Amino acid sequence: MYVAQKRAIRVAGKYMSRAVPFYLANSLASALIILLWGKPFFEIKLAYALLCLISLILVLVTRKMLDDYAFDSFKTWSLVTGALGIPAALVAGGVLVLVARSKLMEELGE
């Protein structure tokens, strides 16, 4: 069982690692947009920047859950992180997190 868990973490971790740059890039881009084009629609841009920042924090915490063998927490929070990643991580980041979740469940046979 231990070998299967290690393989599942390796496979899911690979996808999670690929997702982090998308979350980071969009978080930085949203902050730059606020700095460069401040006044018009400021509230909307600020809300989107906060969504991107929260998504970035969630993807890092979710990645840590995977490393700590917290599979139940990972399955729950990866679904939330993937759903938030669709608008907040250039679609690809959210899809990669959801793929990592499905690969983990596939490898563990759940």
N, C-alpha and C. Protein backbone atom coordinates (compact mmCIF):
# COMPACT_ATOMS: atom_id res chain seq x y z
N MET A 1 0.82 -1.20 0.00
CA MET A 1 0.00 0.00 0.00
C MET A 1 0.86 1.26 0.00
N TYR A 2 1.95 1.20 0.74
CA TYR A 2 2.83 2.36 0.84
C TYR A 2 3.41 2.74 -0.53
N VAL A 3 3.78 1.75 -1.32
CA VAL A 3 4.35 2.00 -2.65
C VAL A 3 3.30 2.64 -3.55
N ALA A 4 2.06 2.18 -3.46
CA ALA A 4 0.99 2.76 -4.26
C ALA A 4 0.73 4.20 -3.86
N GLN A 5 0.81 4.50 -2.57
CA GLN A 5 0.62 5.88 -2.12
C GLN A 5 1.74 6.78 -2.62
N LYS A 6 2.97 6.29 -2.56
CA LYS A 6 4.10 7.09 -3.06
C LYS A 6 3.96 7.37 -4.55
N ARG A 7 3.53 6.36 -5.32
CA ARG A 7 3.34 6.54 -6.75
C ARG A 7 2.21 7.53 -7.02
N ALA A 8 1.14 7.45 -6.23
CA ALA A 8 0.01 8.36 -6.39
C ALA A 8 0.43 9.80 -6.08
N ILE A 9 1.22 9.97 -5.04
CA ILE A 9 1.70 11.32 -4.68
C ILE A 9 2.62 11.86 -5.76
N ARG A 10 3.47 11.01 -6.31
CA ARG A 10 4.38 11.45 -7.36
C ARG A 10 3.61 11.91 -8.60
N VAL A 11 2.61 11.13 -8.99
CA VAL A 11 1.83 11.46 -10.19
C VAL A 11 1.03 12.74 -9.96
N ALA A 12 0.31 12.82 -8.84
CA ALA A 12 -0.50 14.00 -8.56
C ALA A 12 0.38 15.23 -8.31
N GLY A 13 1.50 15.02 -7.65
CA GLY A 13 2.42 16.13 -7.38
C GLY A 13 2.99 16.74 -8.65
N LYS A 14 3.20 15.91 -9.65
CA LYS A 14 3.70 16.41 -10.93
C LYS A 14 2.71 17.40 -11.55
N TYR A 15 1.43 17.07 -11.52
CA TYR A 15 0.43 17.96 -12.07
C TYR A 15 0.25 19.22 -11.21
N MET A 16 0.33 19.05 -9.89
CA MET A 16 0.22 20.21 -9.00
C MET A 16 1.38 21.17 -9.22
N SER A 17 2.57 20.63 -9.42
CA SER A 17 3.73 21.48 -9.67
C SER A 17 3.61 22.24 -10.98
N ARG A 18 2.99 21.62 -11.96
CA ARG A 18 2.77 22.31 -13.23
C ARG A 18 1.70 23.40 -13.12
N ALA A 19 0.80 23.28 -12.16
CA ALA A 19 -0.28 24.24 -12.01
C ALA A 19 0.16 25.52 -11.29
N VAL A 20 1.13 25.42 -10.40
CA VAL A 20 1.54 26.56 -9.59
C VAL A 20 1.98 27.76 -10.43
N PRO A 21 2.76 27.62 -11.49
CA PRO A 21 3.14 28.80 -12.27
C PRO A 21 1.94 29.55 -12.89
N PHE A 22 0.89 28.83 -13.25
CA PHE A 22 -0.29 29.50 -13.79
C PHE A 22 -0.97 30.36 -12.73
N TYR A 23 -1.08 29.82 -11.52
CA TYR A 23 -1.66 30.59 -10.42
C TYR A 23 -0.79 31.80 -10.10
N LEU A 24 0.51 31.61 -10.06
CA LEU A 24 1.43 32.69 -9.74
C LEU A 24 1.41 33.77 -10.82
N ALA A 25 1.44 33.36 -12.07
CA ALA A 25 1.45 34.33 -13.17
C ALA A 25 0.18 35.18 -13.17
N ASN A 26 -0.95 34.56 -12.96
CA ASN A 26 -2.19 35.32 -12.97
C ASN A 26 -2.32 36.21 -11.74
N SER A 27 -1.78 35.79 -10.61
CA SER A 27 -1.79 36.64 -9.42
C SER A 27 -0.93 37.89 -9.64
N LEU A 28 0.22 37.70 -10.24
CA LEU A 28 1.09 38.85 -10.53
C LEU A 28 0.49 39.74 -11.60
N ALA A 29 -0.13 39.14 -12.61
CA ALA A 29 -0.74 39.93 -13.68
C ALA A 29 -1.90 40.76 -13.16
N SER A 30 -2.70 40.20 -12.29
CA SER A 30 -3.83 40.98 -11.76
C SER A 30 -3.34 42.13 -10.88
N ALA A 31 -2.27 41.92 -10.13
CA ALA A 31 -1.70 43.01 -9.34
C ALA A 31 -1.13 44.10 -10.24
N LEU A 32 -0.48 43.70 -11.33
CA LEU A 32 0.04 44.68 -12.29
C LEU A 32 -1.06 45.48 -12.95
N ILE A 33 -2.16 44.84 -13.26
CA ILE A 33 -3.29 45.54 -13.88
C ILE A 33 -3.83 46.61 -12.94
N ILE A 34 -3.91 46.29 -11.67
CA ILE A 34 -4.39 47.29 -10.70
C ILE A 34 -3.42 48.45 -10.63
N LEU A 35 -2.13 48.17 -10.63
CA LEU A 35 -1.14 49.24 -10.54
C LEU A 35 -1.14 50.12 -11.79
N LEU A 36 -1.26 49.51 -12.96
CA LEU A 36 -1.16 50.27 -14.20
C LEU A 36 -2.44 51.00 -14.59
N TRP A 37 -3.58 50.37 -14.36
CA TRP A 37 -4.86 50.96 -14.78
C TRP A 37 -5.77 51.10 -13.58
N GLY A 38 -5.34 51.84 -12.58
CA GLY A 38 -6.00 51.94 -11.29
C GLY A 38 -7.48 52.25 -11.23
N LYS A 39 -7.92 53.44 -11.62
CA LYS A 39 -9.27 53.91 -11.30
C LYS A 39 -10.43 53.17 -11.96
N PRO A 40 -10.48 53.04 -13.27
CA PRO A 40 -11.70 52.46 -13.85
C PRO A 40 -11.93 51.02 -13.41
N PHE A 41 -13.12 50.76 -12.92
CA PHE A 41 -13.53 49.42 -12.47
C PHE A 41 -12.60 48.88 -11.39
N PHE A 42 -12.18 49.74 -10.50
CA PHE A 42 -11.21 49.35 -9.47
C PHE A 42 -11.73 48.22 -8.59
N GLU A 43 -13.00 48.28 -8.20
CA GLU A 43 -13.56 47.28 -7.30
C GLU A 43 -13.55 45.89 -7.94
N ILE A 44 -13.88 45.83 -9.22
CA ILE A 44 -13.90 44.55 -9.93
C ILE A 44 -12.48 43.98 -10.04
N LYS A 45 -11.54 44.85 -10.39
CA LYS A 45 -10.15 44.40 -10.51
C LYS A 45 -9.58 43.97 -9.17
N LEU A 46 -9.96 44.68 -8.11
CA LEU A 46 -9.49 44.32 -6.77
C LEU A 46 -10.07 42.97 -6.34
N ALA A 47 -11.34 42.76 -6.61
CA ALA A 47 -11.97 41.48 -6.26
C ALA A 47 -11.30 40.33 -7.03
N TYR A 48 -11.00 40.55 -8.29
CA TYR A 48 -10.34 39.51 -9.08
C TYR A 48 -8.92 39.25 -8.58
N ALA A 49 -8.21 40.31 -8.20
CA ALA A 49 -6.86 40.14 -7.66
C ALA A 49 -6.89 39.36 -6.35
N LEU A 50 -7.88 39.63 -5.50
CA LEU A 50 -8.01 38.88 -4.26
C LEU A 50 -8.36 37.42 -4.52
N LEU A 51 -9.23 37.18 -5.51
CA LEU A 51 -9.55 35.80 -5.90
C LEU A 51 -8.29 35.07 -6.36
N CYS A 52 -7.47 35.73 -7.15
CA CYS A 52 -6.23 35.11 -7.63
C CYS A 52 -5.28 34.82 -6.48
N LEU A 53 -5.19 35.75 -5.53
CA LEU A 53 -4.30 35.56 -4.39
C LEU A 53 -4.79 34.42 -3.50
N ILE A 54 -6.09 34.37 -3.24
CA ILE A 54 -6.65 33.28 -2.44
C ILE A 54 -6.43 31.94 -3.14
N SER A 55 -6.60 31.91 -4.46
CA SER A 55 -6.39 30.68 -5.22
C SER A 55 -4.94 30.24 -5.15
N LEU A 56 -4.02 31.18 -5.23
CA LEU A 56 -2.59 30.85 -5.13
C LEU A 56 -2.27 30.25 -3.77
N ILE A 57 -2.80 30.85 -2.71
CA ILE A 57 -2.57 30.32 -1.36
C ILE A 57 -3.18 28.92 -1.24
N LEU A 58 -4.38 28.74 -1.78
CA LEU A 58 -5.03 27.43 -1.70
C LEU A 58 -4.26 26.35 -2.47
N VAL A 59 -3.70 26.70 -3.61
CA VAL A 59 -2.97 25.67 -4.36
C VAL A 59 -1.68 25.28 -3.63
N LEU A 60 -1.05 26.23 -2.95
CA LEU A 60 0.15 25.89 -2.18
C LEU A 60 -0.19 25.05 -0.96
N VAL A 61 -1.30 25.38 -0.29
CA VAL A 61 -1.72 24.60 0.87
C VAL A 61 -2.16 23.20 0.44
N THR A 62 -2.85 23.12 -0.69
CA THR A 62 -3.31 21.82 -1.20
C THR A 62 -2.11 20.96 -1.58
N ARG A 63 -1.10 21.55 -2.15
CA ARG A 63 0.12 20.82 -2.49
C ARG A 63 0.79 20.26 -1.23
N LYS A 64 0.77 21.07 -0.17
CA LYS A 64 1.34 20.63 1.10
C LYS A 64 0.53 19.48 1.69
N MET A 65 -0.79 19.51 1.53
CA MET A 65 -1.63 18.41 2.00
C MET A 65 -1.24 17.10 1.31
N LEU A 66 -0.94 17.19 0.04
CA LEU A 66 -0.55 16.01 -0.71
C LEU A 66 0.77 15.45 -0.18
N ASP A 67 1.71 16.33 0.12
CA ASP A 67 3.00 15.89 0.66
C ASP A 67 2.88 15.29 2.06
N ASP A 68 1.86 15.72 2.80
CA ASP A 68 1.65 15.24 4.17
C ASP A 68 0.74 14.02 4.24
N TYR A 69 0.43 13.42 3.11
CA TYR A 69 -0.44 12.23 3.05
C TYR A 69 -1.84 12.49 3.58
N ALA A 70 -2.33 13.70 3.51
CA ALA A 70 -3.70 14.03 3.94
C ALA A 70 -4.61 13.88 2.72
N PHE A 71 -4.87 12.64 2.33
CA PHE A 71 -5.58 12.37 1.09
C PHE A 71 -7.03 12.85 1.12
N ASP A 72 -7.72 12.68 2.24
CA ASP A 72 -9.11 13.12 2.32
C ASP A 72 -9.21 14.64 2.21
N SER A 73 -8.33 15.33 2.91
CA SER A 73 -8.32 16.80 2.81
C SER A 73 -7.92 17.24 1.40
N PHE A 74 -6.96 16.53 0.82
CA PHE A 74 -6.53 16.88 -0.54
C PHE A 74 -7.67 16.74 -1.52
N LYS A 75 -8.43 15.65 -1.41
CA LYS A 75 -9.53 15.43 -2.35
C LYS A 75 -10.58 16.53 -2.23
N THR A 76 -10.87 16.96 -1.02
CA THR A 76 -11.86 18.02 -0.82
C THR A 76 -11.36 19.36 -1.31
N TRP A 77 -10.18 19.74 -0.85
CA TRP A 77 -9.67 21.08 -1.17
C TRP A 77 -9.17 21.20 -2.61
N SER A 78 -8.75 20.11 -3.21
CA SER A 78 -8.32 20.20 -4.61
C SER A 78 -9.51 20.48 -5.52
N LEU A 79 -10.67 20.00 -5.15
CA LEU A 79 -11.87 20.31 -5.92
C LEU A 79 -12.18 21.81 -5.84
N VAL A 80 -12.08 22.37 -4.65
CA VAL A 80 -12.31 23.81 -4.46
C VAL A 80 -11.24 24.62 -5.20
N THR A 81 -9.99 24.21 -5.05
CA THR A 81 -8.88 24.92 -5.69
C THR A 81 -8.97 24.84 -7.21
N GLY A 82 -9.32 23.69 -7.72
CA GLY A 82 -9.47 23.54 -9.17
C GLY A 82 -10.60 24.39 -9.72
N ALA A 83 -11.72 24.42 -8.99
CA ALA A 83 -12.85 25.24 -9.43
C ALA A 83 -12.50 26.73 -9.40
N LEU A 84 -11.80 27.17 -8.36
CA LEU A 84 -11.37 28.57 -8.32
C LEU A 84 -10.29 28.85 -9.36
N GLY A 85 -9.54 27.84 -9.72
CA GLY A 85 -8.46 28.01 -10.69
C GLY A 85 -8.93 28.21 -12.11
N ILE A 86 -10.16 27.82 -12.41
CA ILE A 86 -10.67 28.02 -13.77
C ILE A 86 -10.67 29.50 -14.12
N PRO A 87 -11.27 30.39 -13.30
CA PRO A 87 -11.18 31.81 -13.63
C PRO A 87 -9.89 32.48 -13.15
N ALA A 88 -9.24 31.90 -12.13
CA ALA A 88 -8.13 32.61 -11.50
C ALA A 88 -6.75 32.10 -11.89
N ALA A 89 -6.65 31.09 -12.72
CA ALA A 89 -5.33 30.56 -13.09
C ALA A 89 -5.26 30.26 -14.57
N LEU A 90 -5.86 31.11 -15.36
CA LEU A 90 -5.79 31.01 -16.81
C LEU A 90 -6.33 29.67 -17.33
N VAL A 91 -7.34 29.14 -16.72
CA VAL A 91 -8.02 27.89 -17.02
C VAL A 91 -7.09 26.69 -16.86
N ALA A 92 -5.90 26.74 -17.42
CA ALA A 92 -4.98 25.60 -17.39
C ALA A 92 -4.60 25.20 -15.98
N GLY A 93 -4.41 26.16 -15.09
CA GLY A 93 -4.04 25.85 -13.71
C GLY A 93 -5.13 25.08 -13.00
N GLY A 94 -6.37 25.53 -13.17
CA GLY A 94 -7.49 24.83 -12.55
C GLY A 94 -7.67 23.43 -13.10
N VAL A 95 -7.51 23.29 -14.40
CA VAL A 95 -7.64 21.97 -15.03
C VAL A 95 -6.53 21.04 -14.54
N LEU A 96 -5.32 21.54 -14.39
CA LEU A 96 -4.22 20.71 -13.90
C LEU A 96 -4.47 20.23 -12.48
N VAL A 97 -5.04 21.07 -11.64
CA VAL A 97 -5.35 20.65 -10.27
C VAL A 97 -6.43 19.57 -10.28
N LEU A 98 -7.44 19.74 -11.12
CA LEU A 98 -8.50 18.73 -11.21
C LEU A 98 -7.98 17.42 -11.80
N VAL A 99 -7.03 17.51 -12.72
CA VAL A 99 -6.41 16.29 -13.26
C VAL A 99 -5.58 15.60 -12.17
N ALA A 100 -4.87 16.39 -11.36
CA ALA A 100 -4.10 15.81 -10.25
C ALA A 100 -5.02 15.08 -9.29
N ARG A 101 -6.17 15.66 -9.02
CA ARG A 101 -7.15 15.03 -8.13
C ARG A 101 -7.64 13.70 -8.71
N SER A 102 -7.97 13.72 -10.00
CA SER A 102 -8.48 12.49 -10.61
C SER A 102 -7.38 11.42 -10.70
N LYS A 103 -6.14 11.83 -10.97
CA LYS A 103 -5.04 10.85 -11.02
C LYS A 103 -4.79 10.23 -9.65
N LEU A 104 -4.88 11.05 -8.59
CA LEU A 104 -4.70 10.52 -7.24
C LEU A 104 -5.78 9.50 -6.92
N MET A 105 -7.01 9.83 -7.24
CA MET A 105 -8.11 8.92 -6.94
C MET A 105 -7.99 7.64 -7.78
N GLU A 106 -7.51 7.78 -9.01
CA GLU A 106 -7.32 6.63 -9.89
C GLU A 106 -6.22 5.71 -9.36
N GLU A 107 -5.11 6.32 -8.94
CA GLU A 107 -3.98 5.53 -8.43
C GLU A 107 -4.30 4.82 -7.11
N LEU A 108 -5.12 5.47 -6.29
CA LEU A 108 -5.47 4.87 -5.01
C LEU A 108 -6.66 3.94 -5.11
N GLY A 109 -7.30 3.92 -6.28
CA GLY A 109 -8.41 3.01 -6.52
C GLY A 109 -9.70 3.43 -5.84
N GLU A 110 -9.91 4.74 -5.75
CA GLU A 110 -11.14 5.24 -5.12
C GLU A 110 -12.08 5.80 -6.14
